[in-house]
Amino acid sequence: MRTEPVYRALFENGVLQQRAQEAQGRLADCALCPRECHVNRFVEATGFCRSGSLAVVCAWHPHFGEERPLVGSRGSGTIFFGSCNLGCVFCQNWTTSRLIEADEVVPEALARIMLALERRGCHNINLVTPSHIVPQILAALVVAAGAGLSVPLVYNTSGYDSLETLALLDGVVDVYMPDIKFMRAEAAAR
């Protein structure tokens, strides 16, 4: 039995569009993650993540290295975003997550990527290191949902998210998949 992804209802009643607009406004004084850099990402990309107003997409493809329930038989439609807001020295995705010289894409192009992954048979759209790209993701999702996107969203986060930004995703994301870095402050300080 296939169920409809949660964002479809928000798209149909206009709430997704409102949240996308609200999120875009937050780029002018960026506090999307707990670093709260307060830079205007429409003008400059000088915050910790060095992201501007466009999403940096490093790679996208059906991925078979995720947890089995996400991969299924046709893969998880993974989109790897660059300019991560963390910078962990042990990151398994360092070559992509900190990359800033990748493709900057407008929301319509990001929507086309989502739709292409769905057409390739992926079971979901898996957004990797998305914390600082939420406004761009929401804007792209409005376009993709309008074009018929109907697979679940996976928010595959490094776990450094603000509650305010996560609230924008309430009822949008089907699967939250945060990475747990450390449970004790002493271990994290090393």
C-alpha atoms as a PDB file:
ATOM      1  CA  MET A   1       0.000   0.000   0.000  1.00  0.00           C
ATOM      2  CA  ARG A   2       1.436   3.381  -1.019  1.00  0.00           C
ATOM      3  CA  THR A   3       0.547   6.464   0.946  1.00  0.00           C
ATOM      4  CA  GLU A   4       0.845  10.045  -0.206  1.00  0.00           C
ATOM      5  CA  PRO A   5       3.842  12.027   1.087  1.00  0.00           C
ATOM      6  CA  VAL A   6       2.923  14.527   3.782  1.00  0.00           C
ATOM      7  CA  TYR A   7       3.956  17.616   1.782  1.00  0.00           C
ATOM      8  CA  ARG A   8       1.219  16.975  -0.805  1.00  0.00           C
ATOM      9  CA  ALA A   9      -1.521  18.133   1.599  1.00  0.00           C
ATOM     10  CA  LEU A  10       0.421  21.297   2.490  1.00  0.00           C
ATOM     11  CA  PHE A  11       0.939  21.998  -1.204  1.00  0.00           C
ATOM     12  CA  GLU A  12      -2.764  21.537  -1.997  1.00  0.00           C
ATOM     13  CA  ASN A  13      -3.872  23.968   0.717  1.00  0.00           C
ATOM     14  CA  GLY A  14      -1.174  26.602   0.001  1.00  0.00           C
ATOM     15  CA  VAL A  15       0.727  26.203   3.272  1.00  0.00           C
ATOM     16  CA  LEU A  16       3.845  24.840   1.548  1.00  0.00           C
ATOM     17  CA  GLN A  17       3.999  27.946  -0.642  1.00  0.00           C
ATOM     18  CA  GLN A  18       3.667  30.201   2.436  1.00  0.00           C
ATOM     19  CA  ARG A  19       6.448  28.355   4.257  1.00  0.00           C
ATOM     20  CA  ALA A  20       8.704  28.550   1.211  1.00  0.00           C
ATOM     21  CA  GLN A  21       8.181  32.307   1.075  1.00  0.00           C
ATOM     22  CA  GLU A  22       8.823  32.679   4.813  1.00  0.00           C
ATOM     23  CA  ALA A  23      11.993  30.589   4.583  1.00  0.00           C
ATOM     24  CA  GLN A  24      13.287  32.644   1.623  1.00  0.00           C
ATOM     25  CA  GLY A  25      12.907  35.770   3.741  1.00  0.00           C
ATOM     26  CA  ARG A  26      15.150  34.268   6.402  1.00  0.00           C
ATOM     27  CA  LEU A  27      18.088  34.306   3.975  1.00  0.00           C
ATOM     28  CA  ALA A  28      18.329  38.096   4.436  1.00  0.00           C
ATOM     29  CA  ASP A  29      19.469  37.683   8.066  1.00  0.00           C
ATOM     30  CA  CYS A  30      20.524  34.061   8.196  1.00  0.00           C
ATOM     31  CA  ALA A  31      19.883  32.163  11.410  1.00  0.00           C
ATOM     32  CA  LEU A  32      18.805  28.923   9.722  1.00  0.00           C
ATOM     33  CA  CYS A  33      21.194  26.868  11.855  1.00  0.00           C
ATOM     34  CA  PRO A  34      22.397  27.347  15.446  1.00  0.00           C
ATOM     35  CA  ARG A  35      25.483  29.245  14.232  1.00  0.00           C
ATOM     36  CA  GLU A  36      23.181  32.257  13.631  1.00  0.00           C
ATOM     37  CA  CYS A  37      25.682  34.043  11.348  1.00  0.00           C
ATOM     38  CA  HIS A  38      23.163  36.822  10.543  1.00  0.00           C
ATOM     39  CA  VAL A  39      24.597  37.450   7.072  1.00  0.00           C
ATOM     40  CA  ASN A  40      22.448  38.518   4.152  1.00  0.00           C
ATOM     41  CA  ARG A  41      22.781  35.499   1.871  1.00  0.00           C
ATOM     42  CA  PHE A  42      21.161  37.404  -0.994  1.00  0.00           C
ATOM     43  CA  VAL A  43      24.194  39.727  -0.991  1.00  0.00           C
ATOM     44  CA  GLU A  44      27.127  37.663   0.269  1.00  0.00           C
ATOM     45  CA  ALA A  45      28.147  34.132   1.174  1.00  0.00           C
ATOM     46  CA  THR A  46      30.303  34.921   4.204  1.00  0.00           C
ATOM     47  CA  GLY A  47      28.649  32.882   6.943  1.00  0.00           C
ATOM     48  CA  PHE A  48      30.200  29.680   8.249  1.00  0.00           C
ATOM     49  CA  CYS A  49      28.626  27.563   5.516  1.00  0.00           C
ATOM     50  CA  ARG A  50      29.641  30.066   2.816  1.00  0.00           C
ATOM     51  CA  SER A  51      26.283  29.557   1.110  1.00  0.00           C
ATOM     52  CA  GLY A  52      24.520  32.267  -0.806  1.00  0.00           C
ATOM     53  CA  SER A  53      20.925  32.356  -1.923  1.00  0.00           C
ATOM     54  CA  LEU A  54      21.212  29.317  -4.228  1.00  0.00           C
ATOM     55  CA  ALA A  55      21.594  25.664  -3.283  1.00  0.00           C
ATOM     56  CA  VAL A  56      24.984  24.079  -3.951  1.00  0.00           C
ATOM     57  CA  VAL A  57      24.373  20.592  -5.373  1.00  0.00           C
ATOM     58  CA  CYS A  58      27.476  18.386  -5.388  1.00  0.00           C
ATOM     59  CA  ALA A  59      25.924  15.174  -6.657  1.00  0.00           C
ATOM     60  CA  TRP A  60      22.570  13.476  -7.145  1.00  0.00           C
ATOM     61  CA  HIS A  61      21.749   9.883  -8.027  1.00  0.00           C
ATOM     62  CA  PRO A  62      19.983   6.726  -6.853  1.00  0.00           C
ATOM     63  CA  HIS A  63      21.937   5.722  -3.750  1.00  0.00           C
ATOM     64  CA  PHE A  64      22.150   2.203  -2.385  1.00  0.00           C
ATOM     65  CA  GLY A  65      24.365   2.884   0.644  1.00  0.00           C
ATOM     66  CA  GLU A  66      21.624   4.103   2.983  1.00  0.00           C
ATOM     67  CA  GLU A  67      19.559   2.116   5.470  1.00  0.00           C
ATOM     68  CA  ARG A  68      17.748  -0.758   3.729  1.00  0.00           C
ATOM     69  CA  PRO A  69      14.197   0.545   4.314  1.00  0.00           C
ATOM     70  CA  LEU A  70      15.113   3.732   2.413  1.00  0.00           C
ATOM     71  CA  VAL A  71      16.957   2.017  -0.430  1.00  0.00           C
ATOM     72  CA  GLY A  72      14.394  -0.610  -1.392  1.00  0.00           C
ATOM     73  CA  SER A  73      15.027  -2.168  -4.797  1.00  0.00           C
ATOM     74  CA  ARG A  74      15.555   1.031  -6.841  1.00  0.00           C
ATOM     75  CA  GLY A  75      17.551   3.224  -4.471  1.00  0.00           C
ATOM     76  CA  SER A  76      17.102   6.357  -2.456  1.00  0.00           C
ATOM     77  CA  GLY A  77      17.086   9.486  -4.642  1.00  0.00           C
ATOM     78  CA  THR A  78      19.940  11.225  -2.907  1.00  0.00           C
ATOM     79  CA  ILE A  79      20.844  14.875  -3.402  1.00  0.00           C
ATOM     80  CA  PHE A  80      24.145  15.851  -1.776  1.00  0.00           C
ATOM     81  CA  PHE A  81      24.345  19.533  -0.829  1.00  0.00           C
ATOM     82  CA  GLY A  82      27.659  21.317  -0.355  1.00  0.00           C
ATOM     83  CA  SER A  83      28.768  24.008   2.090  1.00  0.00           C
ATOM     84  CA  CYS A  84      27.769  22.042   5.209  1.00  0.00           C
ATOM     85  CA  ASN A  85      27.149  24.092   8.338  1.00  0.00           C
ATOM     86  CA  LEU A  86      29.281  21.792  10.514  1.00  0.00           C
ATOM     87  CA  GLY A  87      32.721  20.844   9.149  1.00  0.00           C
ATOM     88  CA  CYS A  88      33.365  17.690  11.199  1.00  0.00           C
ATOM     89  CA  VAL A  89      36.924  16.422  10.706  1.00  0.00           C
ATOM     90  CA  PHE A  90      35.641  12.817  10.634  1.00  0.00           C
ATOM     91  CA  CYS A  91      32.935  13.421   8.022  1.00  0.00           C
ATOM     92  CA  GLN A  92      32.438  10.501   5.642  1.00  0.00           C
ATOM     93  CA  ASN A  93      31.145  12.941   2.997  1.00  0.00           C
ATOM     94  CA  TRP A  94      33.815  15.642   3.464  1.00  0.00           C
ATOM     95  CA  THR A  95      34.634  15.864  -0.248  1.00  0.00           C
ATOM     96  CA  THR A  96      31.031  16.771  -1.019  1.00  0.00           C
ATOM     97  CA  SER A  97      29.625  18.274   2.167  1.00  0.00           C
ATOM     98  CA  ARG A  98      32.226  21.078   2.383  1.00  0.00           C
ATOM     99  CA  LEU A  99      32.473  21.642  -1.357  1.00  0.00           C
ATOM    100  CA  ILE A 100      31.549  25.162  -2.409  1.00  0.00           C
ATOM    101  CA  GLU A 101      32.745  25.009  -6.016  1.00  0.00           C
ATOM    102  CA  ALA A 102      29.896  22.750  -7.166  1.00  0.00           C
ATOM    103  CA  ASP A 103      26.788  23.633  -9.147  1.00  0.00           C
ATOM    104  CA  GLU A 104      24.671  26.444  -7.735  1.00  0.00           C
ATOM    105  CA  VAL A 105      21.113  25.718  -8.787  1.00  0.00           C
ATOM    106  CA  VAL A 106      17.952  27.780  -8.885  1.00  0.00           C
ATOM    107  CA  PRO A 107      14.842  26.228  -7.279  1.00  0.00           C
ATOM    108  CA  GLU A 108      13.467  25.171 -10.682  1.00  0.00           C
ATOM    109  CA  ALA A 109      16.657  23.194 -11.417  1.00  0.00           C
ATOM    110  CA  LEU A 110      16.544  21.555  -7.982  1.00  0.00           C
ATOM    111  CA  ALA A 111      12.905  20.634  -8.658  1.00  0.00           C
ATOM    112  CA  ARG A 112      13.945  19.054 -11.975  1.00  0.00           C
ATOM    113  CA  ILE A 113      16.521  16.961 -10.098  1.00  0.00           C
ATOM    114  CA  MET A 114      13.832  15.739  -7.677  1.00  0.00           C
ATOM    115  CA  LEU A 115      11.513  14.851 -10.539  1.00  0.00           C
ATOM    116  CA  ALA A 116      14.311  13.090 -12.461  1.00  0.00           C
ATOM    117  CA  LEU A 117      15.100  10.935  -9.415  1.00  0.00           C
ATOM    118  CA  GLU A 118      11.425  10.009  -9.100  1.00  0.00           C
ATOM    119  CA  ARG A 119      11.292   9.141 -12.828  1.00  0.00           C
ATOM    120  CA  ARG A 120      14.328   6.898 -12.350  1.00  0.00           C
ATOM    121  CA  GLY A 121      12.263   4.909  -9.856  1.00  0.00           C
ATOM    122  CA  CYS A 122      13.796   6.096  -6.594  1.00  0.00           C
ATOM    123  CA  HIS A 123      11.621   5.370  -3.577  1.00  0.00           C
ATOM    124  CA  ASN A 124      12.197   8.799  -1.991  1.00  0.00           C
ATOM    125  CA  ILE A 125      14.085  12.076  -2.270  1.00  0.00           C
ATOM    126  CA  ASN A 126      16.953  11.974   0.232  1.00  0.00           C
ATOM    127  CA  LEU A 127      18.302  15.446   1.093  1.00  0.00           C
ATOM    128  CA  VAL A 128      21.861  15.120   2.498  1.00  0.00           C
ATOM    129  CA  THR A 129      23.297  17.966   4.634  1.00  0.00           C
ATOM    130  CA  PRO A 130      20.196  20.134   4.076  1.00  0.00           C
ATOM    131  CA  SER A 131      20.149  22.265   7.248  1.00  0.00           C
ATOM    132  CA  HIS A 132      21.417  25.470   5.632  1.00  0.00           C
ATOM    133  CA  ILE A 133      19.492  24.891   2.348  1.00  0.00           C
ATOM    134  CA  VAL A 134      15.939  24.643   3.728  1.00  0.00           C
ATOM    135  CA  PRO A 135      14.652  27.803   1.967  1.00  0.00           C
ATOM    136  CA  GLN A 136      15.939  26.579  -1.386  1.00  0.00           C
ATOM    137  CA  ILE A 137      14.542  23.080  -0.776  1.00  0.00           C
ATOM    138  CA  LEU A 138      11.095  24.437   0.086  1.00  0.00           C
ATOM    139  CA  ALA A 139      11.065  26.693  -2.989  1.00  0.00           C
ATOM    140  CA  ALA A 140      12.070  23.740  -5.188  1.00  0.00           C
ATOM    141  CA  LEU A 141       9.501  21.483  -3.537  1.00  0.00           C
ATOM    142  CA  VAL A 142       6.714  23.915  -4.431  1.00  0.00           C
ATOM    143  CA  VAL A 143       7.758  23.660  -8.085  1.00  0.00           C
ATOM    144  CA  ALA A 144       8.251  19.875  -7.959  1.00  0.00           C
ATOM    145  CA  ALA A 145       4.942  19.250  -6.171  1.00  0.00           C
ATOM    146  CA  GLY A 146       3.214  21.419  -8.760  1.00  0.00           C
ATOM    147  CA  ALA A 147       4.706  19.164 -11.434  1.00  0.00           C
ATOM    148  CA  GLY A 148       3.445  16.046  -9.658  1.00  0.00           C
ATOM    149  CA  LEU A 149       6.283  14.923  -7.356  1.00  0.00           C
ATOM    150  CA  SER A 150       4.802  12.213  -5.161  1.00  0.00           C
ATOM    151  CA  VAL A 151       7.603  10.357  -3.367  1.00  0.00           C
ATOM    152  CA  PRO A 152       8.441  10.869   0.324  1.00  0.00           C
ATOM    153  CA  LEU A 153      11.136  13.298   1.506  1.00  0.00           C
ATOM    154  CA  VAL A 154      14.027  12.199   3.706  1.00  0.00           C
ATOM    155  CA  TYR A 155      15.774  14.921   5.727  1.00  0.00           C
ATOM    156  CA  ASN A 156      19.244  13.392   6.127  1.00  0.00           C
ATOM    157  CA  THR A 157      20.786  15.951   8.439  1.00  0.00           C
ATOM    158  CA  SER A 158      24.066  16.276  10.285  1.00  0.00           C
ATOM    159  CA  GLY A 159      21.894  17.139  13.265  1.00  0.00           C
ATOM    160  CA  TYR A 160      22.908  20.783  13.628  1.00  0.00           C
ATOM    161  CA  ASP A 161      19.478  22.271  13.016  1.00  0.00           C
ATOM    162  CA  SER A 162      17.610  25.141  14.638  1.00  0.00           C
ATOM    163  CA  LEU A 163      14.165  24.474  16.049  1.00  0.00           C
ATOM    164  CA  GLU A 164      12.778  27.406  14.043  1.00  0.00           C
ATOM    165  CA  THR A 165      14.020  25.895  10.792  1.00  0.00           C
ATOM    166  CA  LEU A 166      12.764  22.434  11.717  1.00  0.00           C
ATOM    167  CA  ALA A 167       9.343  23.978  12.400  1.00  0.00           C
ATOM    168  CA  LEU A 168       9.210  25.070   8.745  1.00  0.00           C
ATOM    169  CA  LEU A 169       9.538  21.387   7.823  1.00  0.00           C
ATOM    170  CA  ASP A 170       6.741  20.156  10.082  1.00  0.00           C
ATOM    171  CA  GLY A 171       4.322  18.281   7.864  1.00  0.00           C
ATOM    172  CA  VAL A 172       6.725  18.539   4.897  1.00  0.00           C
ATOM    173  CA  VAL A 173       9.312  15.840   5.623  1.00  0.00           C
ATOM    174  CA  ASP A 174       8.303  12.188   5.852  1.00  0.00           C
ATOM    175  CA  VAL A 175      11.517  10.763   7.357  1.00  0.00           C
ATOM    176  CA  TYR A 176      13.945  12.628   9.626  1.00  0.00           C
ATOM    177  CA  MET A 177      17.363  10.973   9.679  1.00  0.00           C
ATOM    178  CA  PRO A 178      19.725  12.955  11.932  1.00  0.00           C
ATOM    179  CA  ASP A 179      23.275  11.787  12.518  1.00  0.00           C
ATOM    180  CA  ILE A 180      24.165  11.560  16.195  1.00  0.00           C
ATOM    181  CA  LYS A 181      27.710  12.871  16.554  1.00  0.00           C
ATOM    182  CA  PHE A 182      28.491  12.654  20.268  1.00  0.00           C
ATOM    183  CA  MET A 183      26.558  11.991  23.428  1.00  0.00           C
ATOM    184  CA  ARG A 184      29.112  13.502  25.827  1.00  0.00           C
ATOM    185  CA  ALA A 185      30.594  16.994  25.654  1.00  0.00           C
ATOM    186  CA  GLU A 186      34.055  15.666  26.620  1.00  0.00           C
ATOM    187  CA  ALA A 187      34.163  13.426  23.557  1.00  0.00           C
ATOM    188  CA  ALA A 188      32.968  16.225  21.278  1.00  0.00           C
ATOM    189  CA  ALA A 189      35.714  18.550  22.508  1.00  0.00           C
ATOM    190  CA  ARG A 190      38.455  16.185  21.301  1.00  0.00           C
END
